[in-house]
């Protein structure tokens, strides 16, 4: 099984009630697959199948003209360097 390291960032327009509902749905969808790192930032390791499901679920919710979602992905075996410059707890520190 091939894992993919994913960083997902979103900015959902909340100018109206529909946007506010989309924001909650997107956050819940991302939490199903990834770790909530900071406000609108998620990261984690998922399978290719999970990546397809994540994208499908997000596309079913977002407004493509008003919202912004970007997914950075690194295939298994590629290293991602993380430097946390603050004294805050690393949300990924409980993962192996």
Protein backbone atom coordinates (compact mmCIF):
# COMPACT_ATOMS: atom_id res chain seq x y z
CA UNK A 1 0.00 0.00 0.00
CA UNK A 2 1.42 3.37 -1.01
CA UNK A 3 1.04 6.24 1.44
CA UNK A 4 1.06 9.87 0.45
CA UNK A 5 2.15 12.69 2.78
CA UNK A 6 -0.50 15.40 2.39
CA UNK A 7 -0.74 19.03 3.42
CA UNK A 8 -4.17 20.51 2.75
CA UNK A 9 -4.96 24.22 3.05
CA UNK A 10 -8.31 25.85 2.48
CA UNK A 11 -9.98 29.24 2.53
CA UNK A 12 -13.75 29.00 2.39
CA UNK A 13 -15.79 32.12 1.70
CA UNK A 14 -18.04 32.77 4.70
CA UNK A 15 -19.81 35.87 3.38
CA UNK A 16 -23.18 34.13 3.70
CA UNK A 17 -24.80 31.27 5.64
CA UNK A 18 -24.12 28.78 2.84
CA UNK A 19 -20.41 29.57 3.08
CA UNK A 20 -20.42 29.11 6.85
CA UNK A 21 -22.03 25.68 6.43
CA UNK A 22 -19.47 24.77 3.73
CA UNK A 23 -16.66 25.72 6.12
CA UNK A 24 -17.93 23.33 8.81
CA UNK A 25 -18.44 20.53 6.27
CA UNK A 26 -14.95 20.95 4.81
CA UNK A 27 -13.37 20.93 8.27
CA UNK A 28 -15.24 17.74 9.23
CA UNK A 29 -14.27 16.09 5.94
CA UNK A 30 -10.60 16.95 6.38
CA UNK A 31 -10.62 15.65 9.97
CA UNK A 32 -11.78 12.25 8.70
CA UNK A 33 -8.53 11.81 6.78
CA UNK A 34 -5.92 14.20 8.19
CA UNK A 35 -4.70 15.86 11.39
CA UNK A 36 -5.90 19.40 12.12
CA UNK A 37 -2.64 21.34 12.44
CA UNK A 38 -3.76 24.97 12.50
CA UNK A 39 -7.02 26.75 11.60
CA UNK A 40 -7.40 25.83 7.91
CA UNK A 41 -4.34 23.57 7.65
CA UNK A 42 -4.35 19.77 7.80
CA UNK A 43 -1.63 17.19 7.24
CA UNK A 44 -1.05 13.49 7.43
CA UNK A 45 -0.29 10.26 5.63
CA UNK A 46 -3.11 8.71 3.59
CA UNK A 47 -3.45 6.05 0.93
CA UNK A 48 -4.13 6.80 -2.73
CA UNK A 49 -7.69 5.57 -2.24
CA UNK A 50 -8.21 7.89 0.72
CA UNK A 51 -6.81 10.77 -1.34
CA UNK A 52 -9.39 10.11 -4.06
CA UNK A 53 -12.20 9.97 -1.49
CA UNK A 54 -10.98 13.15 0.19
CA UNK A 55 -10.93 15.04 -3.10
CA UNK A 56 -14.35 13.69 -4.09
CA UNK A 57 -15.91 14.71 -0.77
CA UNK A 58 -14.36 18.18 -0.89
CA UNK A 59 -15.47 18.77 -4.48
CA UNK A 60 -19.02 17.83 -3.49
CA UNK A 61 -19.07 20.63 -0.89
CA UNK A 62 -17.03 23.58 -2.13
CA UNK A 63 -18.07 26.45 -4.34
CA UNK A 64 -15.36 26.48 -7.02
CA UNK A 65 -15.86 30.18 -7.76
CA UNK A 66 -15.73 31.39 -4.13
CA UNK A 67 -13.58 28.92 -2.19
CA UNK A 68 -9.91 27.97 -2.36
CA UNK A 69 -8.50 24.51 -1.58
CA UNK A 70 -4.97 23.36 -2.28
CA UNK A 71 -3.45 19.94 -1.58
CA UNK A 72 0.31 19.43 -1.50
CA UNK A 73 1.32 15.79 -1.75
CA UNK A 74 4.57 13.87 -1.49
CA UNK A 75 4.62 10.23 -2.57
CA UNK A 76 5.82 7.60 -0.09
CA UNK A 77 9.59 7.62 0.34
CA UNK A 78 10.03 11.36 -0.15
CA UNK A 79 11.05 13.23 2.95
CA UNK A 80 9.36 16.38 4.16
CA UNK A 81 11.33 18.60 6.48
CA UNK A 82 9.28 20.37 9.17
CA UNK A 83 10.68 23.16 11.31
CA UNK A 84 8.39 24.46 14.04
CA UNK A 85 9.73 27.83 15.14
CA UNK A 86 7.61 28.23 18.26
CA UNK A 87 7.29 26.54 21.66
CA UNK A 88 3.87 25.10 20.80
CA UNK A 89 3.14 21.37 20.77
CA UNK A 90 3.52 19.62 17.43
CA UNK A 91 0.07 18.22 16.52
CA UNK A 92 1.78 15.37 14.68
CA UNK A 93 3.93 14.27 17.64
CA UNK A 94 1.69 11.36 18.59
CA UNK A 95 2.08 9.65 15.21
CA UNK A 96 4.76 7.14 14.36
